N, C-alpha and C. Protein backbone atom coordinates (compact mmCIF):
# COMPACT_ATOMS: atom_id res chain seq x y z
N UNK A 1 147.34 -10.06 -27.97
CA UNK A 1 146.28 -11.00 -27.27
C UNK A 1 145.00 -10.48 -28.12
N UNK A 2 144.42 -11.52 -28.46
CA UNK A 2 142.97 -11.29 -29.06
C UNK A 2 142.05 -10.89 -28.05
N UNK A 3 140.85 -10.58 -28.62
CA UNK A 3 139.69 -10.11 -27.91
C UNK A 3 139.18 -11.15 -27.01
N UNK A 4 139.06 -12.44 -27.59
CA UNK A 4 138.60 -13.51 -26.94
C UNK A 4 139.31 -13.93 -25.82
N UNK A 5 140.67 -14.10 -25.84
CA UNK A 5 141.67 -14.23 -24.93
C UNK A 5 141.68 -13.31 -23.85
N UNK A 6 141.57 -12.00 -24.21
CA UNK A 6 141.39 -10.93 -23.24
C UNK A 6 140.31 -11.13 -22.42
N UNK A 7 138.94 -11.35 -22.94
CA UNK A 7 137.80 -11.72 -22.06
C UNK A 7 137.93 -12.72 -21.17
N UNK A 8 138.52 -13.82 -21.61
CA UNK A 8 138.65 -14.98 -20.85
C UNK A 8 139.66 -14.63 -19.59
N UNK A 9 140.76 -13.98 -19.97
CA UNK A 9 141.80 -13.28 -18.85
C UNK A 9 140.93 -12.49 -17.77
N UNK A 10 140.17 -11.64 -18.34
CA UNK A 10 139.26 -10.68 -17.36
C UNK A 10 138.51 -11.51 -16.60
N UNK A 11 137.67 -12.55 -17.01
CA UNK A 11 136.75 -13.37 -16.36
C UNK A 11 137.55 -13.97 -15.07
N UNK A 12 138.73 -14.72 -15.43
CA UNK A 12 139.43 -15.48 -14.65
C UNK A 12 140.08 -14.65 -13.52
N UNK A 13 140.38 -13.51 -13.84
CA UNK A 13 141.00 -12.55 -12.99
C UNK A 13 139.94 -11.97 -11.97
N UNK A 14 138.84 -11.97 -12.57
CA UNK A 14 137.82 -11.49 -11.60
C UNK A 14 137.26 -12.44 -10.69
N UNK A 15 137.21 -13.65 -11.16
CA UNK A 15 136.89 -14.73 -10.18
C UNK A 15 137.93 -15.06 -9.06
N UNK A 16 139.17 -14.81 -9.57
CA UNK A 16 140.18 -14.95 -8.45
C UNK A 16 140.24 -13.89 -7.46
N UNK A 17 140.06 -12.64 -7.95
CA UNK A 17 139.85 -11.36 -7.21
C UNK A 17 138.60 -11.57 -6.41
N UNK A 18 137.54 -12.00 -6.71
CA UNK A 18 136.49 -12.14 -5.73
C UNK A 18 136.58 -13.14 -4.82
N UNK A 19 137.03 -14.47 -5.12
CA UNK A 19 137.40 -15.38 -4.23
C UNK A 19 138.45 -14.97 -3.12
N UNK A 20 139.52 -14.26 -3.57
CA UNK A 20 140.46 -13.68 -2.46
C UNK A 20 139.79 -12.80 -1.57
N UNK A 21 138.90 -11.98 -1.85
CA UNK A 21 138.26 -11.11 -0.90
C UNK A 21 137.13 -11.80 0.01
N UNK A 22 136.45 -12.85 -0.71
CA UNK A 22 135.66 -13.53 0.12
C UNK A 22 136.26 -14.33 1.30
N UNK A 23 137.48 -14.94 0.82
CA UNK A 23 138.15 -15.92 1.76
C UNK A 23 138.87 -14.72 2.76
N UNK A 24 139.27 -13.80 2.51
CA UNK A 24 139.87 -12.80 3.42
C UNK A 24 138.80 -12.28 4.61
N UNK A 25 137.56 -11.90 3.88
CA UNK A 25 136.53 -11.50 4.71
C UNK A 25 136.07 -12.50 5.70
N UNK A 26 136.08 -13.88 5.26
CA UNK A 26 135.61 -14.92 6.18
C UNK A 26 136.76 -15.06 7.26
N UNK A 27 137.93 -15.10 6.90
CA UNK A 27 138.90 -15.23 8.02
C UNK A 27 138.94 -14.03 8.94
N UNK A 28 138.83 -12.76 8.42
CA UNK A 28 138.69 -11.48 9.17
C UNK A 28 137.45 -11.75 10.20
N UNK A 29 136.39 -12.13 9.62
CA UNK A 29 134.99 -12.21 10.53
C UNK A 29 135.23 -13.29 11.62
N UNK A 30 135.84 -14.41 11.19
CA UNK A 30 135.95 -15.32 12.33
C UNK A 30 137.13 -14.82 13.32
N UNK A 31 138.02 -14.17 12.99
CA UNK A 31 138.88 -13.61 14.09
C UNK A 31 138.25 -12.58 15.00
N UNK A 32 137.44 -11.80 14.28
CA UNK A 32 136.50 -10.75 14.93
C UNK A 32 135.51 -11.35 16.05
N UNK A 33 134.91 -12.39 15.59
CA UNK A 33 133.95 -13.10 16.44
C UNK A 33 134.82 -13.74 17.61
N UNK A 34 136.10 -14.37 17.35
CA UNK A 34 136.87 -14.98 18.32
C UNK A 34 137.26 -13.90 19.36
N UNK A 35 137.63 -12.78 18.96
CA UNK A 35 138.04 -11.57 19.70
C UNK A 35 136.90 -11.11 20.66
N UNK A 36 135.62 -10.99 19.98
CA UNK A 36 134.56 -10.71 20.76
C UNK A 36 134.10 -11.73 21.78
N UNK A 37 134.25 -12.93 21.49
CA UNK A 37 134.18 -14.00 22.57
C UNK A 37 135.10 -13.94 23.84
N UNK A 38 136.46 -13.54 23.36
CA UNK A 38 137.52 -13.47 24.30
C UNK A 38 137.32 -12.08 25.14
N UNK A 39 136.65 -11.16 24.76
CA UNK A 39 136.47 -9.95 25.32
C UNK A 39 135.29 -10.15 26.43
N UNK A 40 134.39 -11.02 25.87
CA UNK A 40 133.19 -11.31 26.83
C UNK A 40 133.61 -12.08 28.03
N UNK A 41 134.63 -12.96 27.73
CA UNK A 41 135.11 -13.79 28.79
C UNK A 41 135.98 -13.00 29.90
N UNK A 42 136.49 -11.86 29.45
CA UNK A 42 137.29 -11.04 30.46
C UNK A 42 136.27 -10.30 31.25
N UNK A 43 135.03 -10.09 30.80
CA UNK A 43 134.05 -9.23 31.76
C UNK A 43 133.50 -10.12 32.86
N UNK A 44 133.84 -11.46 32.87
CA UNK A 44 133.53 -12.43 33.99
C UNK A 44 134.64 -12.08 34.97
N UNK A 45 134.57 -10.91 35.57
CA UNK A 45 135.58 -10.63 36.71
C UNK A 45 134.78 -10.75 37.80
N UNK A 46 135.10 -12.01 38.64
CA UNK A 46 134.16 -12.21 39.91
C UNK A 46 134.25 -11.19 41.07
N UNK A 47 135.37 -10.38 40.93
CA UNK A 47 135.54 -9.35 41.93
C UNK A 47 134.40 -8.28 41.68
N UNK A 48 134.27 -7.95 40.35
CA UNK A 48 133.20 -7.03 39.87
C UNK A 48 131.81 -7.35 40.28
N UNK A 49 131.56 -8.80 40.22
CA UNK A 49 130.38 -9.17 40.68
C UNK A 49 130.12 -8.95 42.18
N UNK A 50 131.04 -9.35 42.88
CA UNK A 50 131.07 -9.10 44.42
C UNK A 50 130.83 -7.85 44.76
N UNK A 51 131.45 -6.79 44.17
CA UNK A 51 131.27 -5.30 44.32
C UNK A 51 129.80 -4.97 44.10
N UNK A 52 129.33 -5.68 42.94
CA UNK A 52 127.98 -5.13 42.42
C UNK A 52 126.93 -5.97 43.27
N UNK A 53 127.26 -7.26 43.94
CA UNK A 53 126.39 -7.83 44.76
C UNK A 53 126.24 -7.17 46.11
N UNK A 54 127.48 -6.43 46.53
CA UNK A 54 127.45 -5.77 47.95
C UNK A 54 126.53 -4.48 47.74
N UNK A 55 126.50 -3.80 46.68
CA UNK A 55 125.70 -2.70 46.25
C UNK A 55 124.28 -3.03 46.56
N UNK A 56 123.91 -4.37 46.30
CA UNK A 56 122.35 -4.86 46.45
C UNK A 56 122.33 -5.40 47.74
N UNK A 57 123.30 -5.43 48.66
CA UNK A 57 123.11 -5.96 49.96
C UNK A 57 123.31 -7.51 50.00
N UNK A 58 123.96 -8.17 48.97
CA UNK A 58 124.20 -9.56 49.01
C UNK A 58 125.72 -9.70 49.24
N UNK A 59 126.07 -10.62 50.15
CA UNK A 59 127.46 -10.89 50.50
C UNK A 59 127.63 -12.18 49.88
N UNK A 60 128.06 -12.18 48.69
CA UNK A 60 128.15 -13.50 47.80
C UNK A 60 129.36 -14.18 48.05
N UNK A 61 129.41 -15.60 47.81
CA UNK A 61 130.49 -16.41 47.71
C UNK A 61 130.63 -17.38 46.71
N UNK A 62 129.76 -17.07 45.60
CA UNK A 62 129.98 -18.05 44.46
C UNK A 62 131.22 -17.70 43.73
N UNK A 63 131.60 -18.79 42.89
CA UNK A 63 132.69 -18.61 42.19
C UNK A 63 132.39 -18.28 40.62
N UNK A 64 133.37 -18.08 39.97
CA UNK A 64 133.27 -17.63 38.56
C UNK A 64 132.54 -18.58 37.59
N UNK A 65 132.80 -19.90 37.90
CA UNK A 65 132.22 -21.07 37.15
C UNK A 65 130.61 -20.97 37.30
N UNK A 66 130.22 -20.72 38.69
CA UNK A 66 128.76 -20.70 39.12
C UNK A 66 128.18 -19.63 38.22
N UNK A 67 128.79 -18.38 38.16
CA UNK A 67 128.42 -17.32 37.60
C UNK A 67 128.09 -17.44 36.07
N UNK A 68 129.18 -18.11 35.43
CA UNK A 68 129.20 -18.49 33.92
C UNK A 68 128.04 -19.54 33.79
N UNK A 69 127.91 -20.59 34.72
CA UNK A 69 126.91 -21.41 34.43
C UNK A 69 125.50 -20.72 34.51
N UNK A 70 125.20 -20.02 35.44
CA UNK A 70 123.73 -19.22 35.54
C UNK A 70 123.70 -18.44 34.01
N UNK A 71 124.76 -17.77 33.80
CA UNK A 71 124.72 -17.09 32.49
C UNK A 71 124.13 -17.95 31.37
N UNK A 72 124.79 -18.87 31.26
CA UNK A 72 124.54 -19.96 30.18
C UNK A 72 123.10 -20.56 30.37
N UNK A 73 122.69 -20.76 31.39
CA UNK A 73 121.34 -21.33 31.65
C UNK A 73 120.16 -20.18 31.37
N UNK A 74 120.47 -18.98 31.74
CA UNK A 74 119.36 -18.00 31.67
C UNK A 74 119.54 -17.28 30.24
N UNK A 75 120.57 -17.33 29.65
CA UNK A 75 120.90 -16.59 28.51
C UNK A 75 119.88 -16.65 27.45
N UNK A 76 119.48 -17.79 26.94
CA UNK A 76 118.67 -17.96 25.94
C UNK A 76 117.10 -17.93 26.40
N UNK A 77 116.82 -17.96 27.63
CA UNK A 77 115.50 -18.05 28.22
C UNK A 77 115.09 -16.74 28.77
N UNK A 78 114.29 -15.80 28.35
CA UNK A 78 113.81 -14.84 28.84
C UNK A 78 112.83 -15.00 30.08
N UNK A 79 111.99 -15.99 29.77
CA UNK A 79 110.81 -16.41 30.74
C UNK A 79 111.54 -17.52 31.81
N UNK A 80 111.80 -17.18 32.89
CA UNK A 80 112.39 -18.42 33.70
C UNK A 80 111.44 -18.09 35.20
N UNK A 81 111.48 -19.14 35.84
CA UNK A 81 111.05 -19.33 37.36
C UNK A 81 112.19 -18.93 38.20
N UNK A 82 111.96 -17.95 39.04
CA UNK A 82 113.29 -17.38 39.73
C UNK A 82 113.47 -18.58 40.85
N UNK A 83 112.43 -19.18 41.52
CA UNK A 83 112.65 -20.17 42.52
C UNK A 83 113.15 -21.38 42.02
N UNK A 84 112.77 -21.80 40.86
CA UNK A 84 113.27 -23.06 40.26
C UNK A 84 114.80 -22.89 39.79
N UNK A 85 115.07 -21.80 39.04
CA UNK A 85 116.37 -21.51 38.75
C UNK A 85 117.36 -21.31 39.79
N UNK A 86 117.01 -20.69 40.92
CA UNK A 86 117.77 -20.38 42.09
C UNK A 86 118.06 -21.88 42.72
N UNK A 87 117.04 -22.70 42.71
CA UNK A 87 117.17 -23.89 43.33
C UNK A 87 118.08 -24.96 42.51
N UNK A 88 118.06 -24.86 41.35
CA UNK A 88 119.00 -25.57 40.40
C UNK A 88 120.37 -25.03 40.32
N UNK A 89 120.53 -23.72 40.64
CA UNK A 89 121.91 -23.16 40.71
C UNK A 89 122.48 -23.14 42.25
N UNK A 90 121.70 -23.56 43.40
CA UNK A 90 122.05 -23.61 44.60
C UNK A 90 122.29 -22.23 45.12
N UNK A 91 121.34 -21.22 44.81
CA UNK A 91 121.66 -19.79 45.23
C UNK A 91 120.38 -19.27 45.79
N UNK A 92 120.34 -18.43 46.52
CA UNK A 92 119.06 -17.77 46.81
C UNK A 92 118.21 -16.96 45.87
N UNK A 93 117.03 -16.81 45.97
CA UNK A 93 116.45 -15.88 44.83
C UNK A 93 116.84 -14.56 44.68
N UNK A 94 117.16 -14.02 45.83
CA UNK A 94 117.82 -12.66 45.95
C UNK A 94 119.20 -12.61 45.37
N UNK A 95 119.96 -13.47 45.43
CA UNK A 95 121.11 -13.61 44.81
C UNK A 95 120.88 -13.87 43.25
N UNK A 96 120.15 -14.79 42.96
CA UNK A 96 119.76 -14.83 41.68
C UNK A 96 119.40 -13.67 40.79
N UNK A 97 118.66 -12.87 41.51
CA UNK A 97 118.19 -11.64 40.98
C UNK A 97 119.30 -10.74 40.80
N UNK A 98 120.13 -10.67 41.81
CA UNK A 98 121.35 -9.78 41.73
C UNK A 98 122.26 -10.18 40.37
N UNK A 99 122.42 -11.58 40.32
CA UNK A 99 123.18 -12.28 39.23
C UNK A 99 122.69 -11.69 37.93
N UNK A 100 121.36 -11.82 37.72
CA UNK A 100 120.64 -11.40 36.52
C UNK A 100 120.80 -9.95 36.21
N UNK A 101 120.79 -9.04 37.37
CA UNK A 101 120.93 -7.59 37.02
C UNK A 101 122.52 -7.39 36.76
N UNK A 102 123.44 -8.15 37.36
CA UNK A 102 124.73 -7.88 36.99
C UNK A 102 125.04 -8.31 35.58
N UNK A 103 124.47 -9.40 34.98
CA UNK A 103 124.63 -9.80 33.71
C UNK A 103 124.12 -8.78 32.81
N UNK A 104 122.85 -8.28 33.00
CA UNK A 104 122.36 -7.20 32.30
C UNK A 104 123.26 -5.93 32.21
N UNK A 105 123.67 -5.61 33.52
CA UNK A 105 124.65 -4.69 33.72
C UNK A 105 125.85 -4.57 32.61
N UNK A 106 126.48 -5.71 32.61
CA UNK A 106 127.61 -5.88 31.83
C UNK A 106 127.16 -6.28 30.28
N UNK A 107 126.03 -6.11 29.93
CA UNK A 107 125.43 -6.35 28.55
C UNK A 107 125.77 -7.70 28.00
N UNK A 108 125.59 -8.81 29.06
CA UNK A 108 125.99 -10.30 28.62
C UNK A 108 124.61 -11.08 28.39
N UNK A 109 123.40 -10.45 28.84
CA UNK A 109 122.32 -11.16 28.44
C UNK A 109 121.26 -9.99 28.09
N UNK A 110 120.06 -10.30 27.64
CA UNK A 110 119.06 -9.45 27.24
C UNK A 110 118.34 -8.82 28.45
N UNK A 111 118.04 -7.64 28.52
CA UNK A 111 117.10 -7.02 29.46
C UNK A 111 115.99 -7.70 29.58
N UNK A 112 115.50 -7.96 30.72
CA UNK A 112 114.18 -8.49 31.11
C UNK A 112 113.65 -7.99 32.35
N UNK A 113 112.27 -7.89 32.45
CA UNK A 113 111.63 -7.39 33.70
C UNK A 113 111.51 -8.66 34.60
N UNK A 114 112.01 -8.24 35.94
CA UNK A 114 111.97 -9.31 36.98
C UNK A 114 110.78 -9.06 37.92
N UNK A 115 109.79 -9.93 37.92
CA UNK A 115 108.64 -9.77 38.87
C UNK A 115 108.82 -10.80 39.94
N UNK A 116 109.30 -10.36 41.10
CA UNK A 116 109.54 -11.16 42.20
C UNK A 116 108.23 -11.78 42.75
N UNK A 117 107.20 -10.91 42.80
CA UNK A 117 106.00 -11.32 43.30
C UNK A 117 105.37 -12.58 42.54
N UNK A 118 105.53 -12.59 41.46
CA UNK A 118 105.04 -13.79 40.41
C UNK A 118 106.15 -14.77 40.41
N UNK A 119 107.26 -14.74 40.82
CA UNK A 119 108.49 -15.53 40.72
C UNK A 119 108.81 -15.86 39.25
N UNK A 120 108.85 -14.71 38.54
CA UNK A 120 109.36 -15.06 36.88
C UNK A 120 110.04 -13.77 36.45
N UNK A 121 110.71 -14.13 35.39
CA UNK A 121 111.23 -12.95 34.60
C UNK A 121 110.36 -13.09 33.03
N UNK A 122 110.08 -11.94 32.53
CA UNK A 122 109.50 -11.78 31.32
C UNK A 122 110.01 -10.66 30.45
N UNK A 123 109.95 -10.91 29.16
CA UNK A 123 110.45 -9.91 28.04
C UNK A 123 109.69 -8.58 28.32
N UNK A 124 110.51 -7.62 27.94
CA UNK A 124 110.19 -6.16 28.06
C UNK A 124 109.01 -5.90 27.35
N UNK A 125 107.82 -5.26 27.90
CA UNK A 125 106.81 -4.77 27.12
C UNK A 125 107.14 -3.45 26.38
N UNK A 126 106.30 -2.92 25.53
CA UNK A 126 106.41 -1.72 24.86
C UNK A 126 106.44 -0.53 26.06
N UNK A 127 105.57 -0.69 27.13
CA UNK A 127 105.77 0.26 28.22
C UNK A 127 107.02 0.36 28.78
N UNK A 128 107.42 -0.97 29.12
CA UNK A 128 108.85 -0.91 29.80
C UNK A 128 109.87 -0.15 29.11
N UNK A 129 109.91 -0.47 27.72
CA UNK A 129 110.83 0.00 26.85
C UNK A 129 110.86 1.55 26.72
N UNK A 130 109.47 2.05 26.65
CA UNK A 130 109.34 3.40 26.38
C UNK A 130 109.70 4.06 27.73
N UNK A 131 109.48 3.65 29.00
CA UNK A 131 109.66 4.25 30.31
C UNK A 131 111.26 4.10 30.48
N UNK A 132 111.71 3.09 30.01
CA UNK A 132 113.36 3.08 30.27
C UNK A 132 113.94 4.02 29.26
N UNK A 133 113.57 4.30 28.17
CA UNK A 133 114.04 5.40 27.23
C UNK A 133 113.86 6.73 27.93
N UNK A 134 112.60 6.87 28.33
CA UNK A 134 112.21 8.19 29.13
C UNK A 134 113.21 8.49 30.08
N UNK A 135 113.62 7.61 30.99
CA UNK A 135 114.30 7.88 32.32
C UNK A 135 115.81 7.59 32.12
N UNK A 136 116.24 6.98 31.14
CA UNK A 136 117.63 6.45 31.12
C UNK A 136 118.64 7.81 30.98
N UNK A 137 118.22 8.84 30.33
CA UNK A 137 119.18 10.12 30.31
C UNK A 137 119.06 10.60 31.69
N UNK A 138 118.07 10.69 32.22
CA UNK A 138 118.18 11.18 33.72
C UNK A 138 118.98 10.50 34.65
N UNK A 139 118.81 9.03 34.60
CA UNK A 139 119.53 8.15 35.38
C UNK A 139 121.04 8.16 35.12
N UNK A 140 121.29 8.20 33.73
CA UNK A 140 122.84 8.20 33.30
C UNK A 140 123.60 9.43 34.20
N UNK A 141 122.78 10.59 34.01
CA UNK A 141 123.45 11.79 34.46
C UNK A 141 123.33 11.93 35.95
N UNK A 142 122.87 10.67 36.70
CA UNK A 142 122.79 10.60 37.89
C UNK A 142 122.18 11.82 38.83
N UNK A 143 120.97 12.01 38.37
CA UNK A 143 120.19 13.08 39.19
C UNK A 143 119.63 12.66 40.40
N UNK A 144 119.37 13.50 41.14
CA UNK A 144 118.62 13.00 42.52
C UNK A 144 117.07 12.78 42.26
N UNK A 145 116.50 12.12 43.01
CA UNK A 145 115.05 11.87 43.02
C UNK A 145 114.16 12.99 42.54
N UNK A 146 114.34 14.00 43.34
CA UNK A 146 113.41 15.13 43.23
C UNK A 146 113.61 15.61 41.68
N UNK A 147 114.83 15.81 41.27
CA UNK A 147 115.07 16.37 39.90
C UNK A 147 114.47 15.32 38.75
N UNK A 148 114.62 13.95 39.13
CA UNK A 148 114.05 13.16 38.04
C UNK A 148 112.54 13.25 38.10
N UNK A 149 111.87 13.40 39.24
CA UNK A 149 110.44 13.52 39.29
C UNK A 149 109.97 14.86 38.61
N UNK A 150 110.72 15.86 38.85
CA UNK A 150 110.48 17.11 38.19
C UNK A 150 110.59 17.05 36.71
N UNK A 151 111.58 16.55 35.97
CA UNK A 151 111.91 16.40 34.82
C UNK A 151 111.14 15.39 34.09
N UNK A 152 110.70 14.44 34.77
CA UNK A 152 109.95 13.39 34.29
C UNK A 152 108.48 13.61 33.83
N UNK A 153 107.94 14.81 34.70
CA UNK A 153 106.71 15.17 34.08
C UNK A 153 105.52 14.38 34.99
N UNK A 154 104.31 14.44 34.39
CA UNK A 154 103.17 13.84 35.03
C UNK A 154 103.39 12.22 35.14
N UNK A 155 102.86 11.96 36.50
CA UNK A 155 103.03 10.41 36.87
C UNK A 155 104.29 9.84 36.80
N UNK A 156 105.44 10.78 36.90
CA UNK A 156 106.71 10.21 37.03
C UNK A 156 107.12 9.58 38.12
N UNK A 157 106.45 9.72 39.23
CA UNK A 157 106.68 9.14 40.50
C UNK A 157 106.14 7.57 40.47
N UNK A 158 104.88 7.38 39.84
CA UNK A 158 104.42 6.23 39.55
C UNK A 158 105.20 5.43 38.75
N UNK A 159 105.71 6.10 37.60
CA UNK A 159 106.52 5.49 36.57
C UNK A 159 107.92 4.84 36.97
N UNK A 160 108.37 5.73 38.02
CA UNK A 160 109.60 5.38 38.84
C UNK A 160 109.34 4.03 39.36
N UNK A 161 108.24 4.17 40.25
CA UNK A 161 107.94 3.06 41.09
C UNK A 161 107.81 1.65 40.23
N UNK A 162 107.12 1.83 39.21
CA UNK A 162 106.84 0.53 38.35
C UNK A 162 108.17 0.20 37.84
N UNK A 163 108.95 1.03 37.35
CA UNK A 163 110.32 0.47 36.88
C UNK A 163 111.07 -0.12 37.97
N UNK A 164 111.17 0.34 39.20
CA UNK A 164 111.66 -0.23 40.32
C UNK A 164 111.17 -1.45 40.79
N UNK A 165 109.86 -1.60 40.74
CA UNK A 165 109.18 -2.84 41.11
C UNK A 165 109.52 -3.98 40.14
N UNK A 166 109.85 -3.59 38.80
CA UNK A 166 110.11 -4.78 37.85
C UNK A 166 111.56 -4.85 37.70
N UNK A 167 112.43 -4.21 38.60
CA UNK A 167 113.93 -4.46 38.62
C UNK A 167 114.55 -3.89 37.18
N UNK A 168 114.03 -2.98 36.66
CA UNK A 168 114.44 -2.40 35.34
C UNK A 168 115.48 -1.31 35.54
N UNK A 169 115.76 -0.82 36.82
CA UNK A 169 116.69 0.25 36.97
C UNK A 169 118.09 -0.53 37.51
N UNK A 170 118.82 -0.98 36.49
CA UNK A 170 119.89 -1.81 36.85
C UNK A 170 121.01 -0.75 37.35
N UNK A 171 121.54 -1.19 38.66
CA UNK A 171 122.68 -0.22 39.18
C UNK A 171 122.03 0.88 39.73
N UNK A 172 120.77 0.93 40.01
CA UNK A 172 120.15 2.11 40.84
C UNK A 172 119.28 1.45 41.79
N UNK A 173 119.40 1.87 43.21
CA UNK A 173 118.49 1.46 44.18
C UNK A 173 117.89 2.76 44.64
N UNK A 174 116.41 2.68 44.77
CA UNK A 174 115.54 3.63 45.34
C UNK A 174 114.98 3.20 46.62
N UNK A 175 115.14 3.98 47.70
CA UNK A 175 114.73 3.66 48.97
C UNK A 175 114.07 4.87 49.55
N UNK A 176 112.85 4.96 49.86
CA UNK A 176 112.23 6.24 50.45
C UNK A 176 112.66 7.51 49.82
N UNK A 177 112.43 7.43 48.48
CA UNK A 177 112.71 8.63 47.69
C UNK A 177 114.26 9.13 47.76
N UNK A 178 115.04 8.11 47.96
CA UNK A 178 116.61 8.32 47.94
C UNK A 178 117.18 7.37 46.92
N UNK A 179 117.88 8.01 46.16
CA UNK A 179 118.49 7.15 44.82
C UNK A 179 119.94 6.90 45.11
N UNK A 180 120.34 5.63 45.09
CA UNK A 180 121.80 5.36 45.24
C UNK A 180 122.24 4.75 43.79
N UNK A 181 123.32 5.20 43.50
CA UNK A 181 123.84 4.72 42.10
C UNK A 181 124.97 3.94 42.43
N UNK A 182 125.12 2.72 41.50
CA UNK A 182 126.14 1.88 41.59
C UNK A 182 127.61 2.57 41.26
N UNK A 183 128.64 2.61 41.93
CA UNK A 183 129.74 3.25 41.68
C UNK A 183 130.88 2.50 40.92
N UNK A 184 130.70 1.17 40.62
CA UNK A 184 131.58 0.39 39.70
C UNK A 184 131.34 0.59 38.26
N UNK A 185 130.77 1.90 38.15
CA UNK A 185 130.26 2.41 36.92
C UNK A 185 131.30 2.26 35.67
N UNK A 186 130.76 1.69 34.47
CA UNK A 186 131.55 1.80 33.34
C UNK A 186 131.97 3.18 33.13
N UNK A 187 131.07 4.30 33.23
CA UNK A 187 131.08 5.40 32.86
C UNK A 187 132.24 6.35 33.78
N UNK A 188 132.33 5.81 34.99
CA UNK A 188 133.08 6.46 35.87
C UNK A 188 134.63 6.41 35.64
């Protein structure tokens, strides 16, 4: 084999080799995306939602299709009017808030601040992000209120109240300096 033929062979072989792996990678990525979508669909366990809703004091009777419909409607919009969305979905505002918290808990939608007094949800601010980061370790370890305040440092009581008022403590209820944690936890 001469040098010219050898170079042509190497070029053709390289092209075929690269095409093979490009096609292989494409097929593999497509299957991974499909598997990811299937696993997200499995997270829509309506009994998990009912248990979560009971934790927040909501006795829900919606079905899985309504839950999926609400997820699809609010997934792409962080700024929504709570009353308008609740009216469109034929649920109460309190239940809509619980649904949003459930979807955030299951990591199916982006986290958002829920301001009930202004009837809206908004993107997280830098303050929200930093406070969530600050208190997430304390909340994941399921410390009591007094321990969180002690470890949180200066202004921790105001910061906890701020997070609680914006519904950023998903799976946590704070009533009169008493913390309740949702027990359907992924970590339990």
